Amino acid sequence: MTTYTVSAGQTSSGITLSSGDQEYVLSGGTTISTTVSSGGTEYVSSGGTASFTTVYYSGTEDVLSGG
């Protein structure tokens, strides 16, 4: 299980989340081409950006208002 945090001014690219992995995209943070598969979760806060995310096999993407 790995937890990633993408803070303001940071960009992550090409991360794959699975089986307990989590990624938090905070306000001002950006993710590009994240893959969320079974058991993985991506949380996008208000003001955060997630582009070209692929969610499959019971993965979860939780986007708050303004994200």
PDB file of N, CA and C in Angstrom:
ATOM      1  N   MET A   1       0.844  -1.177   0.000  1.00  0.00           N
ATOM      2  CA  MET A   1       0.000   0.000   0.000  1.00  0.00           C
ATOM      3  C   MET A   1       0.894   1.246   0.000  1.00  0.00           C
ATOM      4  N   THR A   2       0.659   2.118  -0.974  1.00  0.00           N
ATOM      5  CA  THR A   2       1.436   3.347  -1.104  1.00  0.00           C
ATOM      6  C   THR A   2       0.483   4.541  -1.133  1.00  0.00           C
ATOM      7  N   THR A   3       0.876   5.628  -0.485  1.00  0.00           N
ATOM      8  CA  THR A   3       0.093   6.856  -0.504  1.00  0.00           C
ATOM      9  C   THR A   3       0.925   7.944  -1.169  1.00  0.00           C
ATOM     10  N   TYR A   4       0.336   8.575  -2.186  1.00  0.00           N
ATOM     11  CA  TYR A   4       0.981   9.671  -2.902  1.00  0.00           C
ATOM     12  C   TYR A   4       0.228  10.954  -2.569  1.00  0.00           C
ATOM     13  N   THR A   5       0.950  12.048  -2.401  1.00  0.00           N
ATOM     14  CA  THR A   5       0.335  13.354  -2.197  1.00  0.00           C
ATOM     15  C   THR A   5       0.913  14.308  -3.228  1.00  0.00           C
ATOM     16  N   VAL A   6       0.027  14.933  -3.998  1.00  0.00           N
ATOM     17  CA  VAL A   6       0.438  15.901  -5.016  1.00  0.00           C
ATOM     18  C   VAL A   6       0.000  17.276  -4.521  1.00  0.00           C
ATOM     19  N   SER A   7       0.955  18.059  -4.074  1.00  0.00           N
ATOM     20  CA  SER A   7       0.676  19.367  -3.477  1.00  0.00           C
ATOM     21  C   SER A   7       0.643  20.463  -4.528  1.00  0.00           C
ATOM     22  N   ALA A   8       0.282  21.667  -4.103  1.00  0.00           N
ATOM     23  CA  ALA A   8       0.234  22.826  -4.991  1.00  0.00           C
ATOM     24  C   ALA A   8       1.555  23.003  -5.714  1.00  0.00           C
ATOM     25  N   GLY A   9       1.481  23.187  -7.024  1.00  0.00           N
ATOM     26  CA  GLY A   9       2.670  23.398  -7.829  1.00  0.00           C
ATOM     27  C   GLY A   9       3.359  22.120  -8.283  1.00  0.00           C
ATOM     28  N   GLN A  10       2.895  20.973  -7.807  1.00  0.00           N
ATOM     29  CA  GLN A  10       3.482  19.693  -8.212  1.00  0.00           C
ATOM     30  C   GLN A  10       2.635  19.024  -9.291  1.00  0.00           C
ATOM     31  N   THR A  11       3.292  18.183 -10.101  1.00  0.00           N
ATOM     32  CA  THR A  11       2.605  17.386 -11.117  1.00  0.00           C
ATOM     33  C   THR A  11       3.114  15.958 -11.032  1.00  0.00           C
ATOM     34  N   SER A  12       2.184  14.998 -11.039  1.00  0.00           N
ATOM     35  CA  SER A  12       2.571  13.591 -11.126  1.00  0.00           C
ATOM     36  C   SER A  12       2.080  13.061 -12.462  1.00  0.00           C
ATOM     37  N   SER A  13       2.768  12.068 -12.991  1.00  0.00           N
ATOM     38  CA  SER A  13       2.400  11.531 -14.303  1.00  0.00           C
ATOM     39  C   SER A  13       2.652  10.028 -14.349  1.00  0.00           C
ATOM     40  N   GLY A  14       1.668   9.296 -14.886  1.00  0.00           N
ATOM     41  CA  GLY A  14       1.854   7.874 -15.150  1.00  0.00           C
ATOM     42  C   GLY A  14       1.818   6.959 -13.942  1.00  0.00           C
ATOM     43  N   ILE A  15       1.226   7.385 -12.854  1.00  0.00           N
ATOM     44  CA  ILE A  15       1.147   6.545 -11.655  1.00  0.00           C
ATOM     45  C   ILE A  15       0.009   5.532 -11.818  1.00  0.00           C
ATOM     46  N   THR A  16       0.241   4.302 -11.354  1.00  0.00           N
ATOM     47  CA  THR A  16      -0.800   3.278 -11.315  1.00  0.00           C
ATOM     48  C   THR A  16      -1.122   2.980  -9.863  1.00  0.00           C
ATOM     49  N   LEU A  17      -2.405   3.089  -9.509  1.00  0.00           N
ATOM     50  CA  LEU A  17      -2.868   2.841  -8.145  1.00  0.00           C
ATOM     51  C   LEU A  17      -3.643   1.527  -8.122  1.00  0.00           C
ATOM     52  N   SER A  18      -3.329   0.654  -7.174  1.00  0.00           N
ATOM     53  CA  SER A  18      -4.060  -0.602  -7.036  1.00  0.00           C
ATOM     54  C   SER A  18      -4.016  -1.068  -5.588  1.00  0.00           C
ATOM     55  N   SER A  19      -4.866  -1.993  -5.234  1.00  0.00           N
ATOM     56  CA  SER A  19      -4.871  -2.704  -3.952  1.00  0.00           C
ATOM     57  C   SER A  19      -4.396  -1.891  -2.748  1.00  0.00           C
ATOM     58  N   GLY A  20      -5.198  -0.904  -2.356  1.00  0.00           N
ATOM     59  CA  GLY A  20      -4.885  -0.110  -1.172  1.00  0.00           C
ATOM     60  C   GLY A  20      -4.076   1.143  -1.419  1.00  0.00           C
ATOM     61  N   ASP A  21      -3.586   1.340  -2.653  1.00  0.00           N
ATOM     62  CA  ASP A  21      -2.850   2.567  -2.978  1.00  0.00           C
ATOM     63  C   ASP A  21      -3.802   3.753  -2.994  1.00  0.00           C
ATOM     64  N   GLN A  22      -3.308   4.918  -2.582  1.00  0.00           N
ATOM     65  CA  GLN A  22      -4.108   6.136  -2.570  1.00  0.00           C
ATOM     66  C   GLN A  22      -3.281   7.291  -3.110  1.00  0.00           C
ATOM     67  N   GLU A  23      -3.965   8.197  -3.808  1.00  0.00           N
ATOM     68  CA  GLU A  23      -3.319   9.419  -4.273  1.00  0.00           C
ATOM     69  C   GLU A  23      -4.224  10.584  -3.914  1.00  0.00           C
ATOM     70  N   TYR A  24      -3.644  11.586  -3.266  1.00  0.00           N
ATOM     71  CA  TYR A  24      -4.363  12.796  -2.886  1.00  0.00           C
ATOM     72  C   TYR A  24      -3.846  13.943  -3.735  1.00  0.00           C
ATOM     73  N   VAL A  25      -4.733  14.548  -4.504  1.00  0.00           N
ATOM     74  CA  VAL A  25      -4.373  15.691  -5.343  1.00  0.00           C
ATOM     75  C   VAL A  25      -4.932  16.928  -4.645  1.00  0.00           C
ATOM     76  N   LEU A  26      -4.057  17.692  -4.050  1.00  0.00           N
ATOM     77  CA  LEU A  26      -4.477  18.862  -3.282  1.00  0.00           C
ATOM     78  C   LEU A  26      -4.677  20.067  -4.197  1.00  0.00           C
ATOM     79  N   SER A  27      -5.275  21.112  -3.666  1.00  0.00           N
ATOM     80  CA  SER A  27      -5.517  22.326  -4.431  1.00  0.00           C
ATOM     81  C   SER A  27      -4.219  22.825  -5.063  1.00  0.00           C
ATOM     82  N   GLY A  28      -4.245  23.036  -6.378  1.00  0.00           N
ATOM     83  CA  GLY A  28      -3.064  23.500  -7.094  1.00  0.00           C
ATOM     84  C   GLY A  28      -2.176  22.380  -7.609  1.00  0.00           C
ATOM     85  N   GLY A  29      -2.480  21.127  -7.238  1.00  0.00           N
ATOM     86  CA  GLY A  29      -1.731  19.966  -7.722  1.00  0.00           C
ATOM     87  C   GLY A  29      -2.353  19.419  -9.007  1.00  0.00           C
ATOM     88  N   THR A  30      -1.554  18.712  -9.799  1.00  0.00           N
ATOM     89  CA  THR A  30      -2.023  18.172 -11.080  1.00  0.00           C
ATOM     90  C   THR A  30      -1.531  16.744 -11.263  1.00  0.00           C
ATOM     91  N   THR A  31      -2.415  15.866 -11.730  1.00  0.00           N
ATOM     92  CA  THR A  31      -2.004  14.524 -12.129  1.00  0.00           C
ATOM     93  C   THR A  31      -2.351  14.334 -13.600  1.00  0.00           C
ATOM     94  N   ILE A  32      -1.505  13.598 -14.297  1.00  0.00           N
ATOM     95  CA  ILE A  32      -1.710  13.318 -15.714  1.00  0.00           C
ATOM     96  C   ILE A  32      -1.549  11.809 -15.925  1.00  0.00           C
ATOM     97  N   SER A  33      -2.508  11.212 -16.619  1.00  0.00           N
ATOM     98  CA  SER A  33      -2.443   9.792 -17.009  1.00  0.00           C
ATOM     99  C   SER A  33      -2.291   8.835 -15.827  1.00  0.00           C
ATOM    100  N   THR A  34      -3.086   9.057 -14.789  1.00  0.00           N
ATOM    101  CA  THR A  34      -3.116   8.122 -13.662  1.00  0.00           C
ATOM    102  C   THR A  34      -4.039   6.962 -14.015  1.00  0.00           C
ATOM    103  N   THR A  35      -3.653   5.747 -13.636  1.00  0.00           N
ATOM    104  CA  THR A  35      -4.501   4.563 -13.793  1.00  0.00           C
ATOM    105  C   THR A  35      -4.912   4.096 -12.408  1.00  0.00           C
ATOM    106  N   VAL A  36      -6.226   3.979 -12.193  1.00  0.00           N
ATOM    107  CA  VAL A  36      -6.751   3.538 -10.907  1.00  0.00           C
ATOM    108  C   VAL A  36      -7.435   2.188 -11.128  1.00  0.00           C
ATOM    109  N   SER A  37      -6.833   1.124 -10.578  1.00  0.00           N
ATOM    110  CA  SER A  37      -7.404  -0.206 -10.761  1.00  0.00           C
ATOM    111  C   SER A  37      -7.929  -0.745  -9.431  1.00  0.00           C
ATOM    112  N   SER A  38      -8.286  -2.001  -9.394  1.00  0.00           N
ATOM    113  CA  SER A  38      -8.949  -2.638  -8.268  1.00  0.00           C
ATOM    114  C   SER A  38      -8.304  -2.311  -6.925  1.00  0.00           C
ATOM    115  N   GLY A  39      -9.085  -1.689  -6.049  1.00  0.00           N
ATOM    116  CA  GLY A  39      -8.613  -1.368  -4.712  1.00  0.00           C
ATOM    117  C   GLY A  39      -7.870  -0.063  -4.585  1.00  0.00           C
ATOM    118  N   GLY A  40      -7.599   0.628  -5.695  1.00  0.00           N
ATOM    119  CA  GLY A  40      -6.916   1.914  -5.668  1.00  0.00           C
ATOM    120  C   GLY A  40      -7.902   3.059  -5.591  1.00  0.00           C
ATOM    121  N   THR A  41      -7.479   4.190  -5.032  1.00  0.00           N
ATOM    122  CA  THR A  41      -8.350   5.359  -4.910  1.00  0.00           C
ATOM    123  C   THR A  41      -7.570   6.633  -5.185  1.00  0.00           C
ATOM    124  N   GLU A  42      -8.171   7.500  -5.993  1.00  0.00           N
ATOM    125  CA  GLU A  42      -7.605   8.830  -6.227  1.00  0.00           C
ATOM    126  C   GLU A  42      -8.595   9.855  -5.687  1.00  0.00           C
ATOM    127  N   TYR A  43      -8.113  10.754  -4.839  1.00  0.00           N
ATOM    128  CA  TYR A  43      -8.919  11.824  -4.263  1.00  0.00           C
ATOM    129  C   TYR A  43      -8.455  13.147  -4.863  1.00  0.00           C
ATOM    130  N   VAL A  44      -9.385  13.891  -5.454  1.00  0.00           N
ATOM    131  CA  VAL A  44      -9.049  15.177  -6.061  1.00  0.00           C
ATOM    132  C   VAL A  44      -9.765  16.270  -5.276  1.00  0.00           C
ATOM    133  N   SER A  45      -8.998  17.098  -4.582  1.00  0.00           N
ATOM    134  CA  SER A  45      -9.558  18.182  -3.776  1.00  0.00           C
ATOM    135  C   SER A  45     -10.033  19.328  -4.657  1.00  0.00           C
ATOM    136  N   SER A  46     -10.831  20.213  -4.070  1.00  0.00           N
ATOM    137  CA  SER A  46     -11.237  21.431  -4.759  1.00  0.00           C
ATOM    138  C   SER A  46      -9.986  22.196  -5.167  1.00  0.00           C
ATOM    139  N   GLY A  47      -9.886  22.541  -6.451  1.00  0.00           N
ATOM    140  CA  GLY A  47      -8.720  23.246  -6.956  1.00  0.00           C
ATOM    141  C   GLY A  47      -7.639  22.331  -7.493  1.00  0.00           C
ATOM    142  N   GLY A  48      -7.795  21.023  -7.306  1.00  0.00           N
ATOM    143  CA  GLY A  48      -6.861  20.043  -7.866  1.00  0.00           C
ATOM    144  C   GLY A  48      -7.292  19.654  -9.278  1.00  0.00           C
ATOM    145  N   THR A  49      -6.365  19.127 -10.074  1.00  0.00           N
ATOM    146  CA  THR A  49      -6.659  18.753 -11.453  1.00  0.00           C
ATOM    147  C   THR A  49      -6.177  17.341 -11.737  1.00  0.00           C
ATOM    148  N   ALA A  50      -7.065  16.520 -12.324  1.00  0.00           N
ATOM    149  CA  ALA A  50      -6.699  15.167 -12.766  1.00  0.00           C
ATOM    150  C   ALA A  50      -7.074  15.061 -14.239  1.00  0.00           C
ATOM    151  N   SER A  51      -6.075  14.878 -15.098  1.00  0.00           N
ATOM    152  CA  SER A  51      -6.313  14.788 -16.542  1.00  0.00           C
ATOM    153  C   SER A  51      -5.962  13.392 -17.045  1.00  0.00           C
ATOM    154  N   PHE A  52      -6.792  12.893 -17.949  1.00  0.00           N
ATOM    155  CA  PHE A  52      -6.554  11.605 -18.608  1.00  0.00           C
ATOM    156  C   PHE A  52      -6.454  10.442 -17.614  1.00  0.00           C
ATOM    157  N   THR A  53      -7.301  10.462 -16.578  1.00  0.00           N
ATOM    158  CA  THR A  53      -7.335   9.380 -15.600  1.00  0.00           C
ATOM    159  C   THR A  53      -8.158   8.222 -16.145  1.00  0.00           C
ATOM    160  N   THR A  54      -7.669   7.005 -15.963  1.00  0.00           N
ATOM    161  CA  THR A  54      -8.397   5.800 -16.346  1.00  0.00           C
ATOM    162  C   THR A  54      -8.755   5.043 -15.073  1.00  0.00           C
ATOM    163  N   VAL A  55     -10.054   4.746 -14.901  1.00  0.00           N
ATOM    164  CA  VAL A  55     -10.528   4.018 -13.723  1.00  0.00           C
ATOM    165  C   VAL A  55     -11.181   2.730 -14.201  1.00  0.00           C
ATOM    166  N   TYR A  56     -10.705   1.584 -13.668  1.00  0.00           N
ATOM    167  CA  TYR A  56     -11.315   0.315 -14.047  1.00  0.00           C
ATOM    168  C   TYR A  56     -11.165  -0.720 -12.945  1.00  0.00           C
ATOM    169  N   TYR A  57     -11.843  -1.859 -13.107  1.00  0.00           N
ATOM    170  CA  TYR A  57     -11.781  -2.977 -12.156  1.00  0.00           C
ATOM    171  C   TYR A  57     -11.994  -2.546 -10.711  1.00  0.00           C
ATOM    172  N   SER A  58     -13.092  -1.851 -10.462  1.00  0.00           N
ATOM    173  CA  SER A  58     -13.484  -1.429  -9.106  1.00  0.00           C
ATOM    174  C   SER A  58     -12.542  -0.411  -8.478  1.00  0.00           C
ATOM    175  N   GLY A  59     -11.782   0.326  -9.269  1.00  0.00           N
ATOM    176  CA  GLY A  59     -11.005   1.443  -8.756  1.00  0.00           C
ATOM    177  C   GLY A  59     -11.951   2.605  -8.449  1.00  0.00           C
ATOM    178  N   THR A  60     -11.483   3.597  -7.703  1.00  0.00           N
ATOM    179  CA  THR A  60     -12.329   4.713  -7.298  1.00  0.00           C
ATOM    180  C   THR A  60     -11.620   6.045  -7.516  1.00  0.00           C
ATOM    181  N   GLU A  61     -12.362   6.985  -8.090  1.00  0.00           N
ATOM    182  CA  GLU A  61     -11.872   8.363  -8.174  1.00  0.00           C
ATOM    183  C   GLU A  61     -12.912   9.236  -7.481  1.00  0.00           C
ATOM    184  N   ASP A  62     -12.513   9.953  -6.461  1.00  0.00           N
ATOM    185  CA  ASP A  62     -13.399  10.804  -5.674  1.00  0.00           C
ATOM    186  C   ASP A  62     -13.001  12.259  -5.932  1.00  0.00           C
ATOM    187  N   VAL A  63     -13.877  12.978  -6.638  1.00  0.00           N
ATOM    188  CA  VAL A  63     -13.584  14.367  -6.992  1.00  0.00           C
ATOM    189  C   VAL A  63     -14.516  15.293  -6.223  1.00  0.00           C
ATOM    190  N   LEU A  64     -13.946  16.158  -5.420  1.00  0.00           N
ATOM    191  CA  LEU A  64     -14.744  17.111  -4.657  1.00  0.00           C
ATOM    192  C   LEU A  64     -15.178  18.273  -5.555  1.00  0.00           C
ATOM    193  N   SER A  65     -16.208  18.973  -5.141  1.00  0.00           N
ATOM    194  CA  SER A  65     -16.697  20.125  -5.887  1.00  0.00           C
ATOM    195  C   SER A  65     -15.553  21.105  -6.150  1.00  0.00           C
ATOM    196  N   GLY A  66     -15.387  21.495  -7.392  1.00  0.00           N
ATOM    197  CA  GLY A  66     -14.323  22.427  -7.757  1.00  0.00           C
ATOM    198  C   GLY A  66     -13.031  21.742  -8.168  1.00  0.00           C
ATOM    199  N   GLY A  67     -13.028  20.415  -8.093  1.00  0.00           N
ATOM    200  CA  GLY A  67     -11.842  19.639  -8.505  1.00  0.00           C
ATOM    201  C   GLY A  67     -11.904  19.297  -9.956  1.00  0.00           C
TER     202      GLY A  67
END
